[in-house]
Amino acid sequence: MKSRLRTPTGPDSFTILEVMVAATVLLFAIVTAITTSQRGLQALDTARNLSASSQLMQSEMERLRMMSWVQLQTLQQSGDTRVVHEHAGRYMCTREIVDVRPDMKQITLTAVWRGHDAREHTARMITRYGRSGLNDYFYTLR
């Protein structure tokens, strides 16, 4: 049995059109892989930043939880909205305290950071604080 060798001009060789189609398919596969990888990295970056900002807000909430009603009232009247923590480097966190009822205050903590995609991201923690103590809280993310 004779083996047939492929020659560039033989009947088993690829045409220029087939080579161009194969190159185009390969190019699309590479672009898709790079795009998917970038989206994955952006998702990881967002998750890491959300976790860090949540820890920052949770620390501030624990600090506020230890305050008495009078101390919280004084903080509200001072108008100071800045939250400062040493490890917060790239996160800006602000605090807003408003009266919901005479015996209840709503505290909103907002953390802002620039993500991997250079867009501004925001996470917000809202809680209600009654004269009897902290009631509930929840997160929102934009």
Protein backbone atom coordinates (compact mmCIF):
# COMPACT_ATOMS: atom_id res chain seq x y z
CA MET A 1 0.00 0.00 0.00
CA LYS A 2 1.48 3.29 -1.09
CA SER A 3 1.11 6.31 1.14
CA ARG A 4 0.14 9.56 -0.49
CA LEU A 5 2.05 12.63 0.57
CA ARG A 6 0.33 15.96 0.62
CA THR A 7 1.75 18.42 -1.76
CA PRO A 8 0.85 22.11 -1.97
CA THR A 9 -0.63 21.65 -5.39
CA GLY A 10 -2.09 18.20 -4.96
CA PRO A 11 -5.76 17.31 -4.69
CA ASP A 12 -5.62 17.04 -0.85
CA SER A 13 -4.24 20.55 -0.23
CA PHE A 14 -6.26 23.42 1.28
CA THR A 15 -7.47 26.29 -0.82
CA ILE A 16 -6.71 29.87 0.15
CA LEU A 17 -10.41 30.33 1.01
CA GLU A 18 -10.33 27.42 3.47
CA VAL A 19 -7.20 28.83 5.13
CA MET A 20 -8.82 32.28 5.44
CA VAL A 21 -11.97 30.79 7.01
CA ALA A 22 -9.89 28.78 9.50
CA ALA A 23 -7.86 31.89 10.40
CA THR A 24 -11.04 33.93 10.91
CA VAL A 25 -12.54 31.26 13.18
CA LEU A 26 -9.32 31.10 15.17
CA LEU A 27 -9.26 34.91 15.49
CA PHE A 28 -12.85 34.98 16.81
CA ALA A 29 -12.01 32.23 19.31
CA ILE A 30 -9.03 34.20 20.64
CA VAL A 31 -11.03 37.45 20.92
CA THR A 32 -13.85 35.64 22.74
CA ALA A 33 -11.40 34.07 25.20
CA ILE A 34 -9.78 37.44 25.97
CA THR A 35 -13.15 39.16 26.41
CA THR A 36 -14.39 36.42 28.74
CA SER A 37 -11.19 36.64 30.77
CA GLN A 38 -11.55 40.42 31.14
CA ARG A 39 -15.16 40.11 32.30
CA GLY A 40 -14.10 37.52 34.84
CA LEU A 41 -11.39 39.82 36.19
CA GLN A 42 -13.89 42.68 36.43
CA ALA A 43 -16.30 40.46 38.37
CA LEU A 44 -13.52 39.44 40.78
CA ASP A 45 -12.51 43.07 41.26
CA THR A 46 -16.10 44.12 41.96
CA ALA A 47 -16.54 41.28 44.46
CA ARG A 48 -13.29 42.16 46.25
CA ASN A 49 -14.17 45.86 46.44
CA LEU A 50 -17.71 45.13 47.60
CA SER A 51 -16.38 42.91 50.35
CA ALA A 52 -13.88 45.55 51.50
CA SER A 53 -16.48 48.35 51.43
CA SER A 54 -18.94 46.14 53.33
CA GLN A 55 -16.32 45.53 56.02
CA LEU A 56 -15.70 49.27 56.24
CA MET A 57 -19.41 50.02 56.64
CA GLN A 58 -19.87 47.14 59.10
CA SER A 59 -17.04 48.52 61.26
CA GLU A 60 -18.66 51.96 61.28
CA MET A 61 -22.05 50.44 62.08
CA GLU A 62 -20.55 48.57 65.05
CA ARG A 63 -19.01 51.84 66.26
CA LEU A 64 -22.39 53.58 65.98
CA ARG A 65 -24.11 50.68 67.72
CA MET A 66 -22.02 51.37 70.82
CA MET A 67 -23.21 54.98 71.00
CA SER A 68 -26.00 56.11 73.26
CA TRP A 69 -29.04 57.97 71.91
CA VAL A 70 -27.58 61.28 73.14
CA GLN A 71 -24.21 60.63 71.45
CA LEU A 72 -25.97 59.72 68.20
CA GLN A 73 -28.08 62.88 68.43
CA THR A 74 -24.92 64.95 68.96
CA LEU A 75 -23.24 63.30 65.96
CA GLN A 76 -26.31 64.04 63.82
CA GLN A 77 -26.40 67.69 64.90
CA SER A 78 -22.68 68.14 64.22
CA GLY A 79 -23.33 67.58 60.51
CA ASP A 80 -20.16 65.48 60.17
CA THR A 81 -20.83 62.94 57.41
CA ARG A 82 -17.28 61.68 56.80
CA VAL A 83 -16.39 58.16 57.94
CA VAL A 84 -12.66 57.70 58.50
CA HIS A 85 -10.94 54.34 58.85
CA GLU A 86 -7.21 53.77 58.43
CA HIS A 87 -7.50 50.83 56.01
CA ALA A 88 -10.01 52.62 53.78
CA GLY A 89 -7.43 54.05 51.33
CA ARG A 90 -9.38 53.84 48.08
CA TYR A 91 -12.90 53.90 49.53
CA MET A 92 -14.81 57.02 50.44
CA CYS A 93 -17.51 56.38 53.01
CA THR A 94 -20.11 58.85 54.19
CA ARG A 95 -22.76 58.74 56.87
CA GLU A 96 -26.19 60.35 56.91
CA ILE A 97 -28.42 60.36 60.00
CA VAL A 98 -32.05 61.46 59.71
CA ASP A 99 -35.02 61.32 62.07
CA VAL A 100 -37.70 58.90 60.92
CA ARG A 101 -39.82 59.33 64.06
CA PRO A 102 -39.16 61.10 67.34
CA ASP A 103 -37.82 57.85 68.83
CA MET A 104 -36.11 56.46 65.70
CA LYS A 105 -33.23 57.50 63.46
CA GLN A 106 -32.23 56.15 60.07
CA ILE A 107 -28.50 55.82 59.44
CA THR A 108 -27.30 55.49 55.85
CA LEU A 109 -23.68 54.58 55.16
CA THR A 110 -22.52 54.96 51.55
CA ALA A 111 -19.19 53.61 50.28
CA VAL A 112 -17.89 54.73 46.88
CA TRP A 113 -14.90 53.38 44.94
CA ARG A 114 -13.53 53.25 41.41
CA GLY A 115 -13.45 49.73 40.04
CA HIS A 116 -11.23 47.90 37.57
CA ASP A 117 -13.38 49.32 34.79
CA ALA A 118 -12.72 52.91 36.06
CA ARG A 119 -16.43 53.41 36.76
CA GLU A 120 -17.69 54.63 40.10
CA HIS A 121 -19.37 51.92 42.19
CA THR A 122 -21.54 52.49 45.24
CA ALA A 123 -22.62 50.26 48.10
CA ARG A 124 -25.09 51.46 50.70
CA MET A 125 -26.01 50.15 54.15
CA ILE A 126 -29.18 51.46 55.75
CA THR A 127 -30.22 50.84 59.33
CA ARG A 128 -32.84 52.05 61.76
CA TYR A 129 -31.76 52.96 65.25
CA GLY A 130 -34.42 53.33 67.93
CA ARG A 131 -34.05 54.56 71.47
CA SER A 132 -33.96 50.91 72.45
CA GLY A 133 -31.04 50.15 70.06
CA LEU A 134 -30.26 49.02 66.54
CA ASN A 135 -33.24 47.48 64.75
CA ASP A 136 -32.34 46.24 61.28
CA TYR A 137 -30.14 46.93 58.30
CA PHE A 138 -29.79 46.01 54.65
CA TYR A 139 -27.39 46.57 51.74
CA THR A 140 -27.95 48.01 48.30
CA LEU A 141 -25.44 48.15 45.45
CA ARG A 142 -25.21 50.33 42.35
